[in-house]
Amino acid sequence: MINESHLKARKDSVARKILNSEFFDYVMIAIGMIGYGMGWTLFLLSNDITTGGVAGVSSLLYWGLGIPVQVSYFGVNALLLLGALKVLGFRFCLKTIYAVGMLTLFLSFFTDLGQEMQLLHDQPFMASIIGAIFCGSGVGLGLSFNGSTGGTDIIAAIVNKYRDISLGRVILLCDIFVITSSYLVFHDWEKVIYGYVVLCVTAFCIDQVVNSRRSSVQFFIISSHYEEIAKRINQEAHRGVTVVNAQGFYSGNEMKMLFVLAKKRQSSEIFHIIDEVDPTAFVSQSRVIGVYGEGFDHFKFHK
């Protein structure tokens, strides 16, 4: 009876954690879409500066034919999402549909606001930089929480699913054609150059935001109190610990060394645990290029 109640309580706790995690994802995706919508409409669209992907296509249709950006943006993404359901899965597409819907809603508000405010109207270069920072940070935030703004982000997510290629670089390659096409509307190469600036800064910001969440570190810890350190890292930081048999070359003494892989954001917590247990411990920390397995990233290769 006790075991059954304990098992039920554990299942309820896991379910709550999953629910809270999902709710947090949707909140962060919405915040990302607000940032993206502000960057696109307040700084880029209102200053006739194009961007890449579906947003760029929607901008060109807006300038050339007067079609509201929210209408064309939603329509094109609806077609892309239908094709992405099989590859990316329903869970990814569900959050992407949510992100596209939220961004479409925000665009209706920010487009009119951008026309009224005319921010940095006489400083197109600054408008390009600031708008790109907002857009790149918003896209990166959405991708970090399993969502997407749609368009070339969907293509980038498909490629990243199978290959360990930078999301920003994939989007950069996909969007060059759209940026260059803006010359057909404005007949002004200066506008095209500003579009390239937006594209490069956006790609950089996407990588910075996404990689900051995925960045991992490894620890080598040598301490006579290795058991207590390992136990606390396992219980408090929720990270696995490997005990390695080691020997000092000069002294010849046998010792135990702990090997730990963790997210970069957990570094301070692990250092705090080590300092509390054994301030004299010898610790080596280094960044790792990639960590694959449970709790980290997934293998990316052609099967």
C-alpha atoms as a PDB file:
ATOM      1  CA  MET A   1       0.000   0.000   0.000  1.00  0.00           C
ATOM      2  CA  ILE A   2       2.862   2.334   0.888  1.00  0.00           C
ATOM      3  CA  ASN A   3       4.683   1.469  -2.312  1.00  0.00           C
ATOM      4  CA  GLU A   4       1.584   2.156  -4.391  1.00  0.00           C
ATOM      5  CA  SER A   5       0.994   5.539  -2.775  1.00  0.00           C
ATOM      6  CA  HIS A   6       4.676   6.405  -3.160  1.00  0.00           C
ATOM      7  CA  LEU A   7       4.583   5.422  -6.839  1.00  0.00           C
ATOM      8  CA  LYS A   8       1.440   7.472  -7.414  1.00  0.00           C
ATOM      9  CA  ALA A   9       2.966  10.519  -5.703  1.00  0.00           C
ATOM     10  CA  ARG A  10       6.080  10.148  -7.857  1.00  0.00           C
ATOM     11  CA  LYS A  11       4.007   9.961 -11.048  1.00  0.00           C
ATOM     12  CA  ASP A  12       2.037  13.045 -10.000  1.00  0.00           C
ATOM     13  CA  SER A  13       5.275  14.904  -9.306  1.00  0.00           C
ATOM     14  CA  VAL A  14       6.672  13.993 -12.729  1.00  0.00           C
ATOM     15  CA  ALA A  15       3.426  15.028 -14.401  1.00  0.00           C
ATOM     16  CA  ARG A  16       3.506  18.406 -12.649  1.00  0.00           C
ATOM     17  CA  LYS A  17       7.106  18.984 -13.701  1.00  0.00           C
ATOM     18  CA  ILE A  18       6.268  18.185 -17.321  1.00  0.00           C
ATOM     19  CA  LEU A  19       3.226  20.461 -17.219  1.00  0.00           C
ATOM     20  CA  ASN A  20       5.220  23.316 -15.674  1.00  0.00           C
ATOM     21  CA  SER A  21       7.986  22.834 -18.229  1.00  0.00           C
ATOM     22  CA  GLU A  22       5.521  22.945 -21.112  1.00  0.00           C
ATOM     23  CA  PHE A  23       3.812  26.037 -19.718  1.00  0.00           C
ATOM     24  CA  PHE A  24       7.188  27.752 -19.324  1.00  0.00           C
ATOM     25  CA  ASP A  25       8.040  26.888 -22.945  1.00  0.00           C
ATOM     26  CA  TYR A  26       4.881  28.575 -24.221  1.00  0.00           C
ATOM     27  CA  VAL A  27       5.496  31.674 -22.095  1.00  0.00           C
ATOM     28  CA  MET A  28       9.065  32.028 -23.367  1.00  0.00           C
ATOM     29  CA  ILE A  29       7.989  31.460 -26.972  1.00  0.00           C
ATOM     30  CA  ALA A  30       5.430  34.258 -26.607  1.00  0.00           C
ATOM     31  CA  ILE A  31       8.118  36.584 -25.241  1.00  0.00           C
ATOM     32  CA  GLY A  32      10.355  35.668 -28.169  1.00  0.00           C
ATOM     33  CA  MET A  33       7.574  36.467 -30.632  1.00  0.00           C
ATOM     34  CA  ILE A  34       7.034  39.864 -29.018  1.00  0.00           C
ATOM     35  CA  GLY A  35      10.718  40.654 -29.516  1.00  0.00           C
ATOM     36  CA  TYR A  36      10.660  39.428 -33.101  1.00  0.00           C
ATOM     37  CA  GLY A  37       7.503  41.386 -33.913  1.00  0.00           C
ATOM     38  CA  MET A  38       8.962  44.580 -32.444  1.00  0.00           C
ATOM     39  CA  GLY A  39      12.218  44.238 -34.359  1.00  0.00           C
ATOM     40  CA  TRP A  40      10.547  43.474 -37.671  1.00  0.00           C
ATOM     41  CA  THR A  41       7.794  46.091 -37.667  1.00  0.00           C
ATOM     42  CA  LEU A  42       9.120  48.956 -35.509  1.00  0.00           C
ATOM     43  CA  PHE A  43      12.649  49.072 -36.928  1.00  0.00           C
ATOM     44  CA  LEU A  44      12.735  47.226 -40.261  1.00  0.00           C
ATOM     45  CA  LEU A  45       9.350  47.349 -41.969  1.00  0.00           C
ATOM     46  CA  SER A  46       8.698  50.995 -41.095  1.00  0.00           C
ATOM     47  CA  ASN A  47      12.116  51.965 -42.538  1.00  0.00           C
ATOM     48  CA  ASP A  48      11.777  49.925 -45.757  1.00  0.00           C
ATOM     49  CA  ILE A  49      14.498  47.490 -44.704  1.00  0.00           C
ATOM     50  CA  THR A  50      13.908  43.911 -45.718  1.00  0.00           C
ATOM     51  CA  THR A  51      14.827  40.715 -43.890  1.00  0.00           C
ATOM     52  CA  GLY A  52      14.976  37.085 -44.914  1.00  0.00           C
ATOM     53  CA  GLY A  53      12.590  34.170 -44.992  1.00  0.00           C
ATOM     54  CA  VAL A  54       8.827  34.436 -44.967  1.00  0.00           C
ATOM     55  CA  ALA A  55       9.120  37.737 -43.125  1.00  0.00           C
ATOM     56  CA  GLY A  56      11.109  39.115 -46.057  1.00  0.00           C
ATOM     57  CA  VAL A  57       8.611  37.775 -48.592  1.00  0.00           C
ATOM     58  CA  SER A  58       5.754  39.280 -46.586  1.00  0.00           C
ATOM     59  CA  SER A  59       7.588  42.612 -46.460  1.00  0.00           C
ATOM     60  CA  LEU A  60       8.051  42.619 -50.254  1.00  0.00           C
ATOM     61  CA  LEU A  61       4.370  41.811 -50.791  1.00  0.00           C
ATOM     62  CA  TYR A  62       3.461  44.615 -48.391  1.00  0.00           C
ATOM     63  CA  TRP A  63       5.617  47.203 -50.182  1.00  0.00           C
ATOM     64  CA  GLY A  64       4.796  46.006 -53.686  1.00  0.00           C
ATOM     65  CA  LEU A  65       1.142  45.009 -53.480  1.00  0.00           C
ATOM     66  CA  GLY A  66      -0.055  46.454 -50.168  1.00  0.00           C
ATOM     67  CA  ILE A  67      -0.912  43.037 -48.688  1.00  0.00           C
ATOM     68  CA  PRO A  68      -0.796  43.202 -44.855  1.00  0.00           C
ATOM     69  CA  VAL A  69       2.238  41.351 -43.543  1.00  0.00           C
ATOM     70  CA  GLN A  70       0.236  39.333 -41.036  1.00  0.00           C
ATOM     71  CA  VAL A  71      -1.959  37.907 -43.817  1.00  0.00           C
ATOM     72  CA  SER A  72       0.834  36.754 -46.146  1.00  0.00           C
ATOM     73  CA  TYR A  73       3.019  35.628 -43.250  1.00  0.00           C
ATOM     74  CA  PHE A  74       0.302  33.388 -41.824  1.00  0.00           C
ATOM     75  CA  GLY A  75      -0.681  31.973 -45.232  1.00  0.00           C
ATOM     76  CA  VAL A  76       2.827  30.958 -46.320  1.00  0.00           C
ATOM     77  CA  ASN A  77       3.645  29.435 -42.936  1.00  0.00           C
ATOM     78  CA  ALA A  78       0.447  27.404 -42.969  1.00  0.00           C
ATOM     79  CA  LEU A  79       1.652  25.682 -46.161  1.00  0.00           C
ATOM     80  CA  LEU A  80       5.154  25.086 -44.782  1.00  0.00           C
ATOM     81  CA  LEU A  81       3.817  23.623 -41.544  1.00  0.00           C
ATOM     82  CA  LEU A  82       1.704  21.097 -43.396  1.00  0.00           C
ATOM     83  CA  GLY A  83       4.860  19.793 -45.045  1.00  0.00           C
ATOM     84  CA  ALA A  84       6.870  19.809 -41.795  1.00  0.00           C
ATOM     85  CA  LEU A  85       4.468  17.729 -39.691  1.00  0.00           C
ATOM     86  CA  LYS A  86       5.946  14.420 -40.823  1.00  0.00           C
ATOM     87  CA  VAL A  87       9.609  15.386 -40.377  1.00  0.00           C
ATOM     88  CA  LEU A  88       9.576  17.484 -37.210  1.00  0.00           C
ATOM     89  CA  GLY A  89       6.709  15.805 -35.427  1.00  0.00           C
ATOM     90  CA  PHE A  90       3.449  17.096 -34.034  1.00  0.00           C
ATOM     91  CA  ARG A  91       4.986  18.439 -30.814  1.00  0.00           C
ATOM     92  CA  PHE A  92       7.419  20.771 -32.603  1.00  0.00           C
ATOM     93  CA  CYS A  93       4.777  21.859 -35.104  1.00  0.00           C
ATOM     94  CA  LEU A  94       2.255  22.483 -32.336  1.00  0.00           C
ATOM     95  CA  LYS A  95       4.566  24.993 -30.695  1.00  0.00           C
ATOM     96  CA  THR A  96       5.457  26.464 -34.084  1.00  0.00           C
ATOM     97  CA  ILE A  97       1.772  26.903 -34.899  1.00  0.00           C
ATOM     98  CA  TYR A  98       1.401  28.616 -31.524  1.00  0.00           C
ATOM     99  CA  ALA A  99       4.402  30.854 -32.263  1.00  0.00           C
ATOM    100  CA  VAL A 100       3.140  31.758 -35.742  1.00  0.00           C
ATOM    101  CA  GLY A 101      -0.298  32.531 -34.312  1.00  0.00           C
ATOM    102  CA  MET A 102       1.131  34.710 -31.557  1.00  0.00           C
ATOM    103  CA  LEU A 103       3.394  36.573 -33.968  1.00  0.00           C
ATOM    104  CA  THR A 104       0.513  37.119 -36.395  1.00  0.00           C
ATOM    105  CA  LEU A 105      -1.490  38.623 -33.530  1.00  0.00           C
ATOM    106  CA  PHE A 106       1.357  40.901 -32.447  1.00  0.00           C
ATOM    107  CA  LEU A 107       2.038  42.014 -36.026  1.00  0.00           C
ATOM    108  CA  SER A 108      -1.428  43.510 -36.288  1.00  0.00           C
ATOM    109  CA  PHE A 109      -0.587  45.786 -33.368  1.00  0.00           C
ATOM    110  CA  PHE A 110       3.072  46.557 -34.029  1.00  0.00           C
ATOM    111  CA  THR A 111       2.639  47.364 -37.740  1.00  0.00           C
ATOM    112  CA  ASP A 112       0.344  50.318 -37.058  1.00  0.00           C
ATOM    113  CA  LEU A 113       2.498  51.391 -34.124  1.00  0.00           C
ATOM    114  CA  GLY A 114       5.626  51.348 -36.283  1.00  0.00           C
ATOM    115  CA  GLN A 115       4.049  53.601 -38.906  1.00  0.00           C
ATOM    116  CA  GLU A 116       3.089  56.100 -36.219  1.00  0.00           C
ATOM    117  CA  MET A 117       6.382  56.147 -34.335  1.00  0.00           C
ATOM    118  CA  GLN A 118       8.810  56.091 -37.314  1.00  0.00           C
ATOM    119  CA  LEU A 119      11.754  55.056 -35.135  1.00  0.00           C
ATOM    120  CA  LEU A 120      15.234  55.899 -36.512  1.00  0.00           C
ATOM    121  CA  HIS A 121      13.705  56.974 -39.808  1.00  0.00           C
ATOM    122  CA  ASP A 122      16.805  59.007 -40.714  1.00  0.00           C
ATOM    123  CA  GLN A 123      19.273  56.374 -39.423  1.00  0.00           C
ATOM    124  CA  PRO A 124      18.686  53.210 -41.492  1.00  0.00           C
ATOM    125  CA  PHE A 125      21.929  51.548 -40.401  1.00  0.00           C
ATOM    126  CA  MET A 126      21.075  51.816 -36.695  1.00  0.00           C
ATOM    127  CA  ALA A 127      17.538  50.667 -37.466  1.00  0.00           C
ATOM    128  CA  SER A 128      19.007  47.622 -39.228  1.00  0.00           C
ATOM    129  CA  ILE A 129      21.255  46.719 -36.291  1.00  0.00           C
ATOM    130  CA  ILE A 130      18.660  47.201 -33.552  1.00  0.00           C
ATOM    131  CA  GLY A 131      15.901  45.513 -35.545  1.00  0.00           C
ATOM    132  CA  ALA A 132      18.156  42.539 -36.288  1.00  0.00           C
ATOM    133  CA  ILE A 133      19.075  42.159 -32.602  1.00  0.00           C
ATOM    134  CA  PHE A 134      15.394  42.036 -31.647  1.00  0.00           C
ATOM    135  CA  CYS A 135      14.592  39.600 -34.479  1.00  0.00           C
ATOM    136  CA  GLY A 136      17.551  37.291 -33.864  1.00  0.00           C
ATOM    137  CA  SER A 137      16.994  37.177 -30.117  1.00  0.00           C
ATOM    138  CA  GLY A 138      13.293  36.454 -30.623  1.00  0.00           C
ATOM    139  CA  VAL A 139      13.941  33.632 -33.113  1.00  0.00           C
ATOM    140  CA  GLY A 140      16.670  32.163 -30.906  1.00  0.00           C
ATOM    141  CA  LEU A 141      14.424  32.234 -27.867  1.00  0.00           C
ATOM    142  CA  GLY A 142      11.663  30.472 -29.767  1.00  0.00           C
ATOM    143  CA  LEU A 143      14.017  27.772 -31.069  1.00  0.00           C
ATOM    144  CA  SER A 144      15.523  27.260 -27.598  1.00  0.00           C
ATOM    145  CA  PHE A 145      12.104  26.306 -26.242  1.00  0.00           C
ATOM    146  CA  ASN A 146      11.178  23.976 -29.128  1.00  0.00           C
ATOM    147  CA  GLY A 147       9.207  26.572 -31.062  1.00  0.00           C
ATOM    148  CA  SER A 148       9.845  28.492 -34.248  1.00  0.00           C
ATOM    149  CA  THR A 149       8.715  31.600 -36.102  1.00  0.00           C
ATOM    150  CA  GLY A 150       8.136  29.427 -39.142  1.00  0.00           C
ATOM    151  CA  GLY A 151       9.499  30.027 -42.627  1.00  0.00           C
ATOM    152  CA  THR A 152      13.197  29.284 -43.047  1.00  0.00           C
ATOM    153  CA  ASP A 153      13.330  28.496 -39.319  1.00  0.00           C
ATOM    154  CA  ILE A 154      11.415  25.314 -40.170  1.00  0.00           C
ATOM    155  CA  ILE A 155      13.947  24.443 -42.867  1.00  0.00           C
ATOM    156  CA  ALA A 156      16.803  25.161 -40.439  1.00  0.00           C
ATOM    157  CA  ALA A 157      15.197  23.001 -37.749  1.00  0.00           C
ATOM    158  CA  ILE A 158      14.830  20.107 -40.220  1.00  0.00           C
ATOM    159  CA  VAL A 159      18.504  20.338 -41.216  1.00  0.00           C
ATOM    160  CA  ASN A 160      19.627  20.684 -37.577  1.00  0.00           C
ATOM    161  CA  LYS A 161      17.627  17.582 -36.694  1.00  0.00           C
ATOM    162  CA  TYR A 162      19.928  15.432 -38.827  1.00  0.00           C
ATOM    163  CA  ARG A 163      23.127  17.465 -39.038  1.00  0.00           C
ATOM    164  CA  ASP A 164      25.122  19.353 -36.407  1.00  0.00           C
ATOM    165  CA  ILE A 165      25.037  22.564 -38.465  1.00  0.00           C
ATOM    166  CA  SER A 166      24.571  26.017 -36.984  1.00  0.00           C
ATOM    167  CA  LEU A 167      20.949  27.127 -37.150  1.00  0.00           C
ATOM    168  CA  GLY A 168      22.025  30.670 -37.951  1.00  0.00           C
ATOM    169  CA  ARG A 169      24.124  29.572 -40.929  1.00  0.00           C
ATOM    170  CA  VAL A 170      21.310  27.518 -42.434  1.00  0.00           C
ATOM    171  CA  ILE A 171      18.945  30.464 -42.168  1.00  0.00           C
ATOM    172  CA  LEU A 172      21.637  32.749 -43.597  1.00  0.00           C
ATOM    173  CA  LEU A 173      21.989  30.608 -46.729  1.00  0.00           C
ATOM    174  CA  CYS A 174      18.224  30.226 -47.174  1.00  0.00           C
ATOM    175  CA  ASP A 175      17.547  33.955 -46.880  1.00  0.00           C
ATOM    176  CA  ILE A 176      20.140  35.463 -49.251  1.00  0.00           C
ATOM    177  CA  PHE A 177      17.825  35.049 -52.238  1.00  0.00           C
ATOM    178  CA  VAL A 178      14.965  36.865 -50.503  1.00  0.00           C
ATOM    179  CA  ILE A 179      17.198  39.780 -49.491  1.00  0.00           C
ATOM    180  CA  THR A 180      18.564  40.181 -53.024  1.00  0.00           C
ATOM    181  CA  SER A 181      15.039  40.106 -54.433  1.00  0.00           C
ATOM    182  CA  SER A 182      14.222  43.347 -52.617  1.00  0.00           C
ATOM    183  CA  TYR A 183      16.079  45.163 -55.409  1.00  0.00           C
ATOM    184  CA  LEU A 184      13.128  44.366 -57.688  1.00  0.00           C
ATOM    185  CA  VAL A 185      10.902  46.476 -55.420  1.00  0.00           C
ATOM    186  CA  PHE A 186      13.156  49.395 -54.437  1.00  0.00           C
ATOM    187  CA  HIS A 187      15.727  49.413 -57.272  1.00  0.00           C
ATOM    188  CA  ASP A 188      18.200  50.519 -54.612  1.00  0.00           C
ATOM    189  CA  TRP A 189      21.292  48.471 -53.779  1.00  0.00           C
ATOM    190  CA  GLU A 190      21.698  50.392 -50.528  1.00  0.00           C
ATOM    191  CA  LYS A 191      18.476  48.822 -49.254  1.00  0.00           C
ATOM    192  CA  VAL A 192      19.818  45.406 -50.267  1.00  0.00           C
ATOM    193  CA  ILE A 193      23.036  46.005 -48.319  1.00  0.00           C
ATOM    194  CA  TYR A 194      21.043  46.968 -45.220  1.00  0.00           C
ATOM    195  CA  GLY A 195      19.145  43.716 -45.667  1.00  0.00           C
ATOM    196  CA  TYR A 196      22.412  41.775 -45.671  1.00  0.00           C
ATOM    197  CA  VAL A 197      23.425  43.558 -42.465  1.00  0.00           C
ATOM    198  CA  VAL A 198      20.132  42.509 -40.876  1.00  0.00           C
ATOM    199  CA  LEU A 199      20.655  38.922 -42.005  1.00  0.00           C
ATOM    200  CA  CYS A 200      24.198  38.641 -40.593  1.00  0.00           C
ATOM    201  CA  VAL A 201      23.342  40.217 -37.239  1.00  0.00           C
ATOM    202  CA  THR A 202      20.189  38.103 -36.945  1.00  0.00           C
ATOM    203  CA  ALA A 203      22.138  34.885 -37.612  1.00  0.00           C
ATOM    204  CA  PHE A 204      24.750  35.863 -35.008  1.00  0.00           C
ATOM    205  CA  CYS A 205      22.100  36.611 -32.364  1.00  0.00           C
ATOM    206  CA  ILE A 206      20.294  33.332 -33.054  1.00  0.00           C
ATOM    207  CA  ASP A 207      23.473  31.355 -32.468  1.00  0.00           C
ATOM    208  CA  GLN A 208      24.299  33.263 -29.299  1.00  0.00           C
ATOM    209  CA  VAL A 209      20.862  32.700 -27.749  1.00  0.00           C
ATOM    210  CA  VAL A 210      20.548  29.037 -28.771  1.00  0.00           C
ATOM    211  CA  ASN A 211      24.115  28.072 -27.883  1.00  0.00           C
ATOM    212  CA  SER A 212      23.922  29.799 -24.511  1.00  0.00           C
ATOM    213  CA  ARG A 213      21.241  27.293 -23.482  1.00  0.00           C
ATOM    214  CA  ARG A 214      22.928  24.257 -25.038  1.00  0.00           C
ATOM    215  CA  SER A 215      26.469  25.038 -23.906  1.00  0.00           C
ATOM    216  CA  SER A 216      27.929  22.269 -21.746  1.00  0.00           C
ATOM    217  CA  VAL A 217      30.995  21.948 -19.509  1.00  0.00           C
ATOM    218  CA  GLN A 218      32.944  19.088 -17.986  1.00  0.00           C
ATOM    219  CA  PHE A 219      34.543  18.819 -14.550  1.00  0.00           C
ATOM    220  CA  PHE A 220      37.435  16.731 -13.254  1.00  0.00           C
ATOM    221  CA  ILE A 221      37.371  16.795  -9.445  1.00  0.00           C
ATOM    222  CA  ILE A 222      40.035  15.337  -7.177  1.00  0.00           C
ATOM    223  CA  SER A 223      39.163  15.276  -3.483  1.00  0.00           C
ATOM    224  CA  SER A 224      39.424  12.981  -0.482  1.00  0.00           C
ATOM    225  CA  HIS A 225      35.724  13.740   0.112  1.00  0.00           C
ATOM    226  CA  TYR A 226      34.745  12.535  -3.357  1.00  0.00           C
ATOM    227  CA  GLU A 227      31.827  10.416  -2.118  1.00  0.00           C
ATOM    228  CA  GLU A 228      30.024  13.326  -0.465  1.00  0.00           C
ATOM    229  CA  ILE A 229      30.698  15.639  -3.434  1.00  0.00           C
ATOM    230  CA  ALA A 230      29.410  13.030  -5.889  1.00  0.00           C
ATOM    231  CA  LYS A 231      26.295  12.379  -3.813  1.00  0.00           C
ATOM    232  CA  ARG A 232      25.399  16.079  -3.572  1.00  0.00           C
ATOM    233  CA  ILE A 233      26.007  16.726  -7.279  1.00  0.00           C
ATOM    234  CA  ASN A 234      23.788  13.769  -8.062  1.00  0.00           C
ATOM    235  CA  GLN A 235      20.992  14.801  -5.706  1.00  0.00           C
ATOM    236  CA  GLU A 236      21.104  18.617  -5.909  1.00  0.00           C
ATOM    237  CA  ALA A 237      22.358  19.330  -9.432  1.00  0.00           C
ATOM    238  CA  HIS A 238      20.692  16.186 -10.829  1.00  0.00           C
ATOM    239  CA  ARG A 239      23.778  15.255 -12.844  1.00  0.00           C
ATOM    240  CA  GLY A 240      25.466  11.893 -13.181  1.00  0.00           C
ATOM    241  CA  VAL A 241      28.936  11.436 -11.731  1.00  0.00           C
ATOM    242  CA  THR A 242      31.577   8.934 -12.870  1.00  0.00           C
ATOM    243  CA  VAL A 243      34.240   7.812 -10.385  1.00  0.00           C
ATOM    244  CA  VAL A 244      37.619   7.224 -12.056  1.00  0.00           C
ATOM    245  CA  ASN A 245      40.518   5.368 -10.442  1.00  0.00           C
ATOM    246  CA  ALA A 246      43.592   7.615 -10.659  1.00  0.00           C
ATOM    247  CA  GLN A 247      47.167   7.651  -9.446  1.00  0.00           C
ATOM    248  CA  GLY A 248      49.515  10.569  -8.814  1.00  0.00           C
ATOM    249  CA  PHE A 249      52.625  10.136 -10.993  1.00  0.00           C
ATOM    250  CA  TYR A 250      55.082  11.824  -8.608  1.00  0.00           C
ATOM    251  CA  SER A 251      53.664  10.633  -5.288  1.00  0.00           C
ATOM    252  CA  GLY A 252      52.395   7.275  -6.517  1.00  0.00           C
ATOM    253  CA  ASN A 253      49.309   7.687  -4.290  1.00  0.00           C
ATOM    254  CA  GLU A 254      46.046   6.041  -5.330  1.00  0.00           C
ATOM    255  CA  MET A 255      43.075   8.439  -5.507  1.00  0.00           C
ATOM    256  CA  LYS A 256      39.570   8.835  -6.859  1.00  0.00           C
ATOM    257  CA  MET A 257      38.673  11.411  -9.504  1.00  0.00           C
ATOM    258  CA  LEU A 258      35.128  12.523 -10.354  1.00  0.00           C
ATOM    259  CA  PHE A 259      34.079  13.152 -13.936  1.00  0.00           C
ATOM    260  CA  VAL A 260      30.959  15.303 -14.391  1.00  0.00           C
ATOM    261  CA  LEU A 261      29.186  16.646 -17.491  1.00  0.00           C
ATOM    262  CA  ALA A 262      26.716  19.479 -16.919  1.00  0.00           C
ATOM    263  CA  LYS A 263      25.050  22.461 -18.514  1.00  0.00           C
ATOM    264  CA  LYS A 264      27.070  25.666 -18.355  1.00  0.00           C
ATOM    265  CA  ARG A 265      24.365  27.358 -16.270  1.00  0.00           C
ATOM    266  CA  GLN A 266      24.899  24.686 -13.573  1.00  0.00           C
ATOM    267  CA  SER A 267      28.609  25.515 -13.134  1.00  0.00           C
ATOM    268  CA  SER A 268      28.118  27.891 -10.217  1.00  0.00           C
ATOM    269  CA  GLU A 269      25.905  25.362  -8.403  1.00  0.00           C
ATOM    270  CA  ILE A 270      28.523  22.614  -8.771  1.00  0.00           C
ATOM    271  CA  PHE A 271      31.335  24.914  -7.638  1.00  0.00           C
ATOM    272  CA  HIS A 272      29.239  25.900  -4.627  1.00  0.00           C
ATOM    273  CA  ILE A 273      28.778  22.227  -3.664  1.00  0.00           C
ATOM    274  CA  ILE A 274      32.509  21.511  -3.998  1.00  0.00           C
ATOM    275  CA  ASP A 275      33.437  24.586  -1.946  1.00  0.00           C
ATOM    276  CA  GLU A 276      31.051  23.589   0.860  1.00  0.00           C
ATOM    277  CA  VAL A 277      32.312  20.011   1.064  1.00  0.00           C
ATOM    278  CA  ASP A 278      36.041  20.467   0.363  1.00  0.00           C
ATOM    279  CA  PRO A 279      37.453  23.953  -0.323  1.00  0.00           C
ATOM    280  CA  THR A 280      40.890  22.394  -0.961  1.00  0.00           C
ATOM    281  CA  ALA A 281      39.650  20.130  -3.785  1.00  0.00           C
ATOM    282  CA  PHE A 282      41.494  20.216  -7.103  1.00  0.00           C
ATOM    283  CA  VAL A 283      38.996  21.082  -9.880  1.00  0.00           C
ATOM    284  CA  SER A 284      39.384  21.400 -13.632  1.00  0.00           C
ATOM    285  CA  GLN A 285      36.542  22.852 -15.720  1.00  0.00           C
ATOM    286  CA  SER A 286      36.454  23.096 -19.513  1.00  0.00           C
ATOM    287  CA  ARG A 287      33.939  23.684 -22.286  1.00  0.00           C
ATOM    288  CA  VAL A 288      32.968  20.825 -24.560  1.00  0.00           C
ATOM    289  CA  ILE A 289      31.980  21.101 -28.214  1.00  0.00           C
ATOM    290  CA  GLY A 290      29.087  18.655 -27.976  1.00  0.00           C
ATOM    291  CA  VAL A 291      27.516  16.296 -25.457  1.00  0.00           C
ATOM    292  CA  TYR A 292      25.114  13.648 -26.737  1.00  0.00           C
ATOM    293  CA  GLY A 293      22.932  11.359 -24.703  1.00  0.00           C
ATOM    294  CA  GLU A 294      20.172  11.466 -22.112  1.00  0.00           C
ATOM    295  CA  GLY A 295      19.765  14.953 -20.650  1.00  0.00           C
ATOM    296  CA  PHE A 296      21.804  16.584 -23.416  1.00  0.00           C
ATOM    297  CA  ASP A 297      21.624  16.711 -27.224  1.00  0.00           C
ATOM    298  CA  HIS A 298      20.746  13.923 -29.673  1.00  0.00           C
ATOM    299  CA  PHE A 299      22.995  12.316 -32.264  1.00  0.00           C
ATOM    300  CA  LYS A 300      22.728  13.919 -35.699  1.00  0.00           C
ATOM    301  CA  PHE A 301      23.658  11.733 -38.668  1.00  0.00           C
ATOM    302  CA  HIS A 302      22.138  10.050 -41.718  1.00  0.00           C
ATOM    303  CA  LYS A 303      20.679   6.681 -40.804  1.00  0.00           C
END
